[in-house]
N, C-alpha and C. Protein backbone atom coordinates (compact mmCIF):
# COMPACT_ATOMS: atom_id res chain seq x y z
N UNK A 1 0.82 -1.18 0.00
CA UNK A 1 0.00 0.00 0.00
C UNK A 1 0.87 1.26 0.00
N UNK A 2 2.01 1.22 0.69
CA UNK A 2 2.87 2.40 0.77
C UNK A 2 3.25 2.90 -0.62
N UNK A 3 3.61 1.98 -1.52
CA UNK A 3 4.02 2.39 -2.86
C UNK A 3 2.89 3.08 -3.60
N UNK A 4 1.66 2.56 -3.44
CA UNK A 4 0.51 3.16 -4.11
C UNK A 4 0.24 4.56 -3.57
N UNK A 5 0.36 4.72 -2.26
CA UNK A 5 0.10 6.02 -1.66
C UNK A 5 1.18 7.03 -2.03
N UNK A 6 2.44 6.63 -1.93
CA UNK A 6 3.53 7.57 -2.22
C UNK A 6 3.61 7.91 -3.70
N UNK A 7 2.98 7.12 -4.55
CA UNK A 7 2.94 7.42 -5.98
C UNK A 7 1.95 8.53 -6.31
N UNK A 8 1.04 8.82 -5.39
CA UNK A 8 0.07 9.89 -5.62
C UNK A 8 0.81 11.21 -5.62
N UNK A 9 0.45 12.09 -6.54
CA UNK A 9 1.10 13.40 -6.57
C UNK A 9 0.09 14.47 -6.95
N UNK A 10 0.48 15.70 -6.74
CA UNK A 10 -0.36 16.84 -7.09
C UNK A 10 -1.73 16.79 -6.45
N UNK A 11 -2.74 16.94 -7.27
CA UNK A 11 -4.12 16.97 -6.78
C UNK A 11 -4.52 15.64 -6.13
N UNK A 12 -4.02 14.54 -6.63
CA UNK A 12 -4.34 13.23 -6.03
C UNK A 12 -3.83 13.15 -4.60
N UNK A 13 -2.66 13.71 -4.35
CA UNK A 13 -2.10 13.73 -3.00
C UNK A 13 -3.00 14.54 -2.08
N UNK A 14 -3.46 15.68 -2.56
CA UNK A 14 -4.35 16.53 -1.77
C UNK A 14 -5.68 15.82 -1.50
N UNK A 15 -6.23 15.17 -2.51
CA UNK A 15 -7.49 14.43 -2.34
C UNK A 15 -7.32 13.31 -1.33
N UNK A 16 -6.20 12.63 -1.39
CA UNK A 16 -5.93 11.56 -0.43
C UNK A 16 -5.92 12.11 1.00
N UNK A 17 -5.26 13.22 1.21
CA UNK A 17 -5.20 13.81 2.55
C UNK A 17 -6.59 14.20 3.04
N UNK A 18 -7.40 14.75 2.16
CA UNK A 18 -8.76 15.14 2.55
C UNK A 18 -9.59 13.90 2.90
N UNK A 19 -9.48 12.87 2.10
CA UNK A 19 -10.19 11.62 2.39
C UNK A 19 -9.70 11.02 3.71
N UNK A 20 -8.40 11.04 3.91
CA UNK A 20 -7.83 10.50 5.15
C UNK A 20 -8.31 11.31 6.35
N UNK A 21 -8.34 12.62 6.22
CA UNK A 21 -8.82 13.46 7.31
C UNK A 21 -10.24 13.03 7.71
N UNK A 22 -11.10 12.83 6.71
CA UNK A 22 -12.47 12.38 6.98
C UNK A 22 -12.47 11.02 7.68
N UNK A 23 -11.69 10.10 7.18
CA UNK A 23 -11.63 8.76 7.78
C UNK A 23 -11.13 8.82 9.23
N UNK A 24 -10.25 9.74 9.53
CA UNK A 24 -9.73 9.87 10.89
C UNK A 24 -10.80 10.36 11.86
N UNK A 25 -11.77 11.13 11.36
CA UNK A 25 -12.88 11.52 12.24
C UNK A 25 -13.68 10.28 12.63
N UNK A 26 -13.80 9.35 11.73
CA UNK A 26 -14.50 8.09 12.02
C UNK A 26 -13.70 7.27 13.03
N UNK A 27 -12.38 7.27 12.89
CA UNK A 27 -11.52 6.58 13.85
C UNK A 27 -11.74 7.15 15.25
N UNK A 28 -11.82 8.46 15.35
CA UNK A 28 -12.06 9.09 16.64
C UNK A 28 -13.35 8.61 17.29
N UNK A 29 -14.39 8.50 16.49
CA UNK A 29 -15.66 8.00 17.03
C UNK A 29 -15.53 6.55 17.47
N UNK A 30 -14.81 5.76 16.71
CA UNK A 30 -14.65 4.34 17.06
C UNK A 30 -13.88 4.18 18.36
N UNK A 31 -12.83 4.97 18.54
CA UNK A 31 -12.04 4.89 19.77
C UNK A 31 -12.89 5.37 20.95
N UNK A 32 -13.58 6.46 20.77
CA UNK A 32 -14.39 7.02 21.84
C UNK A 32 -15.50 6.06 22.28
N UNK A 33 -16.06 5.31 21.33
CA UNK A 33 -17.17 4.41 21.63
C UNK A 33 -16.74 3.00 22.02
N UNK A 34 -15.44 2.72 21.99
CA UNK A 34 -14.94 1.37 22.27
C UNK A 34 -14.98 1.08 23.77
N UNK A 35 -15.97 0.32 24.18
CA UNK A 35 -16.15 0.02 25.60
C UNK A 35 -15.11 -0.96 26.15
N UNK A 36 -14.34 -1.58 25.26
CA UNK A 36 -13.30 -2.50 25.73
C UNK A 36 -12.04 -1.76 26.18
N UNK A 37 -11.95 -0.46 25.87
CA UNK A 37 -10.79 0.35 26.27
C UNK A 37 -11.09 1.07 27.57
N UNK A 38 -10.11 1.10 28.45
CA UNK A 38 -10.30 1.92 29.65
C UNK A 38 -10.08 3.39 29.28
N UNK A 39 -10.43 4.26 30.18
CA UNK A 39 -10.38 5.69 29.89
C UNK A 39 -8.97 6.16 29.54
N UNK A 40 -7.97 5.64 30.22
CA UNK A 40 -6.59 6.05 29.94
C UNK A 40 -6.18 5.66 28.52
N UNK A 41 -6.56 4.46 28.09
CA UNK A 41 -6.23 4.01 26.73
C UNK A 41 -6.97 4.85 25.69
N UNK A 42 -8.23 5.16 25.96
CA UNK A 42 -8.99 6.01 25.05
C UNK A 42 -8.34 7.39 24.92
N UNK A 43 -8.03 7.98 26.04
CA UNK A 43 -7.43 9.33 26.00
C UNK A 43 -6.08 9.33 25.29
N UNK A 44 -5.28 8.31 25.54
CA UNK A 44 -4.00 8.22 24.86
C UNK A 44 -4.19 8.09 23.35
N UNK A 45 -5.10 7.22 22.95
CA UNK A 45 -5.36 7.03 21.52
C UNK A 45 -5.88 8.31 20.88
N UNK A 46 -6.78 9.00 21.56
CA UNK A 46 -7.32 10.24 21.01
C UNK A 46 -6.25 11.33 20.94
N UNK A 47 -5.34 11.34 21.90
CA UNK A 47 -4.23 12.30 21.86
C UNK A 47 -3.37 12.06 20.63
N UNK A 48 -3.02 10.80 20.39
CA UNK A 48 -2.17 10.50 19.24
C UNK A 48 -2.92 10.63 17.93
N UNK A 49 -4.21 10.38 17.95
CA UNK A 49 -5.03 10.61 16.75
C UNK A 49 -5.02 12.09 16.40
N UNK A 50 -5.10 12.94 17.40
CA UNK A 50 -5.03 14.38 17.17
C UNK A 50 -3.70 14.75 16.53
N UNK A 51 -2.62 14.17 17.02
CA UNK A 51 -1.30 14.42 16.42
C UNK A 51 -1.26 13.95 14.97
N UNK A 52 -1.86 12.81 14.70
CA UNK A 52 -1.92 12.29 13.33
C UNK A 52 -2.68 13.26 12.44
N UNK A 53 -3.79 13.78 12.93
CA UNK A 53 -4.57 14.72 12.12
C UNK A 53 -3.76 15.97 11.79
N UNK A 54 -2.93 16.43 12.74
CA UNK A 54 -2.05 17.56 12.46
C UNK A 54 -1.06 17.21 11.35
N UNK A 55 -0.55 16.00 11.38
CA UNK A 55 0.41 15.58 10.35
C UNK A 55 -0.25 15.47 8.98
N UNK A 56 -1.51 15.05 8.94
CA UNK A 56 -2.24 14.98 7.67
C UNK A 56 -2.38 16.39 7.10
N UNK A 57 -2.72 17.33 7.96
CA UNK A 57 -2.82 18.72 7.50
C UNK A 57 -1.46 19.20 6.97
N UNK A 58 -0.40 18.85 7.68
CA UNK A 58 0.94 19.23 7.22
C UNK A 58 1.27 18.63 5.86
N UNK A 59 0.92 17.38 5.66
CA UNK A 59 1.17 16.73 4.36
C UNK A 59 0.33 17.39 3.26
N UNK A 60 -0.90 17.74 3.59
CA UNK A 60 -1.78 18.40 2.62
C UNK A 60 -1.20 19.75 2.20
N UNK A 61 -0.60 20.44 3.14
CA UNK A 61 -0.05 21.77 2.86
C UNK A 61 1.25 21.71 2.06
N UNK A 62 1.93 20.59 2.08
CA UNK A 62 3.19 20.46 1.36
C UNK A 62 2.94 20.23 -0.12
N UNK A 63 3.89 20.65 -0.93
CA UNK A 63 3.75 20.45 -2.38
C UNK A 63 4.85 19.57 -2.96
N UNK A 64 5.72 19.04 -2.10
CA UNK A 64 6.80 18.21 -2.61
C UNK A 64 6.36 16.75 -2.75
N UNK A 65 7.09 15.99 -3.52
CA UNK A 65 6.75 14.60 -3.83
C UNK A 65 6.84 13.70 -2.60
N UNK A 66 7.62 14.07 -1.61
CA UNK A 66 7.81 13.22 -0.44
C UNK A 66 6.80 13.45 0.68
N UNK A 67 5.80 14.29 0.46
CA UNK A 67 4.84 14.64 1.51
C UNK A 67 4.14 13.40 2.06
N UNK A 68 3.69 12.51 1.19
CA UNK A 68 2.94 11.35 1.67
C UNK A 68 3.86 10.31 2.29
N UNK A 69 5.07 10.17 1.80
CA UNK A 69 6.03 9.26 2.45
C UNK A 69 6.35 9.75 3.85
N UNK A 70 6.55 11.05 3.98
CA UNK A 70 6.78 11.66 5.29
C UNK A 70 5.60 11.40 6.22
N UNK A 71 4.38 11.57 5.68
CA UNK A 71 3.17 11.34 6.48
C UNK A 71 3.09 9.89 6.96
N UNK A 72 3.33 8.95 6.07
CA UNK A 72 3.25 7.54 6.45
C UNK A 72 4.26 7.21 7.55
N UNK A 73 5.44 7.79 7.46
CA UNK A 73 6.44 7.57 8.51
C UNK A 73 5.93 8.09 9.86
N UNK A 74 5.28 9.26 9.85
CA UNK A 74 4.73 9.82 11.09
C UNK A 74 3.61 8.94 11.64
N UNK A 75 2.78 8.39 10.75
CA UNK A 75 1.68 7.53 11.20
C UNK A 75 2.22 6.30 11.91
N UNK A 76 3.22 5.69 11.33
CA UNK A 76 3.83 4.51 11.96
C UNK A 76 4.38 4.88 13.33
N UNK A 77 5.11 5.97 13.40
CA UNK A 77 5.70 6.41 14.66
C UNK A 77 4.64 6.71 15.71
N UNK A 78 3.60 7.42 15.33
CA UNK A 78 2.56 7.78 16.29
C UNK A 78 1.77 6.56 16.75
N UNK A 79 1.54 5.62 15.87
CA UNK A 79 0.81 4.41 16.27
C UNK A 79 1.60 3.56 17.26
N UNK A 80 2.90 3.71 17.27
CA UNK A 80 3.71 3.00 18.26
C UNK A 80 3.40 3.50 19.67
N UNK A 81 2.97 4.75 19.78
CA UNK A 81 2.60 5.32 21.08
C UNK A 81 1.18 4.95 21.49
N UNK A 82 0.37 4.56 20.52
CA UNK A 82 -1.02 4.19 20.79
C UNK A 82 -1.37 3.00 19.89
N UNK A 83 -0.92 1.81 20.27
CA UNK A 83 -1.11 0.63 19.41
C UNK A 83 -2.56 0.34 19.04
N UNK A 84 -3.49 0.77 19.85
CA UNK A 84 -4.90 0.53 19.53
C UNK A 84 -5.29 1.21 18.22
N UNK A 85 -4.54 2.20 17.80
CA UNK A 85 -4.84 2.92 16.56
C UNK A 85 -4.40 2.17 15.30
N UNK A 86 -3.48 1.24 15.42
CA UNK A 86 -2.88 0.61 14.24
C UNK A 86 -3.91 0.08 13.25
N UNK A 87 -4.83 -0.72 13.73
CA UNK A 87 -5.84 -1.31 12.83
C UNK A 87 -6.72 -0.22 12.24
N UNK A 88 -7.13 0.72 13.08
CA UNK A 88 -7.99 1.81 12.62
C UNK A 88 -7.31 2.65 11.53
N UNK A 89 -6.04 2.95 11.74
CA UNK A 89 -5.31 3.77 10.78
C UNK A 89 -5.13 3.01 9.47
N UNK A 90 -4.86 1.73 9.56
CA UNK A 90 -4.71 0.92 8.35
C UNK A 90 -6.00 0.95 7.54
N UNK A 91 -7.13 0.79 8.20
CA UNK A 91 -8.42 0.84 7.51
C UNK A 91 -8.64 2.23 6.90
N UNK A 92 -8.32 3.27 7.64
CA UNK A 92 -8.48 4.63 7.14
C UNK A 92 -7.62 4.87 5.90
N UNK A 93 -6.40 4.35 5.91
CA UNK A 93 -5.53 4.48 4.73
C UNK A 93 -6.10 3.72 3.54
N UNK A 94 -6.57 2.49 3.78
CA UNK A 94 -7.17 1.70 2.70
C UNK A 94 -8.36 2.41 2.08
N UNK A 95 -9.24 2.91 2.94
CA UNK A 95 -10.45 3.58 2.44
C UNK A 95 -10.11 4.87 1.70
N UNK A 96 -9.13 5.58 2.18
CA UNK A 96 -8.73 6.83 1.53
C UNK A 96 -8.12 6.56 0.17
N UNK A 97 -7.28 5.57 0.09
CA UNK A 97 -6.68 5.20 -1.20
C UNK A 97 -7.77 4.74 -2.17
N UNK A 98 -8.68 3.92 -1.71
CA UNK A 98 -9.78 3.45 -2.55
C UNK A 98 -10.63 4.62 -3.05
N UNK A 99 -10.84 5.61 -2.20
CA UNK A 99 -11.64 6.77 -2.61
C UNK A 99 -10.94 7.56 -3.71
N UNK A 100 -9.64 7.74 -3.59
CA UNK A 100 -8.89 8.48 -4.61
C UNK A 100 -8.90 7.71 -5.93
N UNK A 101 -8.75 6.40 -5.85
CA UNK A 101 -8.81 5.58 -7.07
C UNK A 101 -10.21 5.67 -7.69
N UNK A 102 -11.24 5.66 -6.87
CA UNK A 102 -12.61 5.76 -7.38
C UNK A 102 -12.85 7.11 -8.05
N UNK A 103 -12.25 8.17 -7.52
CA UNK A 103 -12.38 9.49 -8.15
C UNK A 103 -11.81 9.45 -9.55
N UNK A 104 -10.66 8.80 -9.73
CA UNK A 104 -10.05 8.67 -11.06
C UNK A 104 -10.95 7.89 -12.00
N UNK A 105 -11.59 6.84 -11.50
CA UNK A 105 -12.45 6.01 -12.35
C UNK A 105 -13.69 6.77 -12.80
N UNK A 106 -14.19 7.67 -11.97
CA UNK A 106 -15.39 8.44 -12.30
C UNK A 106 -15.06 9.48 -13.36
N UNK A 107 -13.87 10.06 -13.27
CA UNK A 107 -13.49 11.15 -14.19
C UNK A 107 -13.08 10.62 -15.50
């Protein structure tokens, strides 16, 4: 998946970041509603999710080819601090990539 994401450039990169931002709001709801997590785990996950959202905005604002590679590296690093996010972030990345591909198919 990394190769497919880092191959996105220009407007596709921006669209990916916007789709990912939306998917991350869904992740936040999932973490908040997860009754199997104690409050400390929820708060930690939400803290790191907030940091991830800042990094998505940073990648969206960048115009260089390495913006998405940089973003993916930050996601991996941040998920190490909140392992409960790993599966959620993977799903968010999959859905965001699929959305960008679907946009190309429609156009």
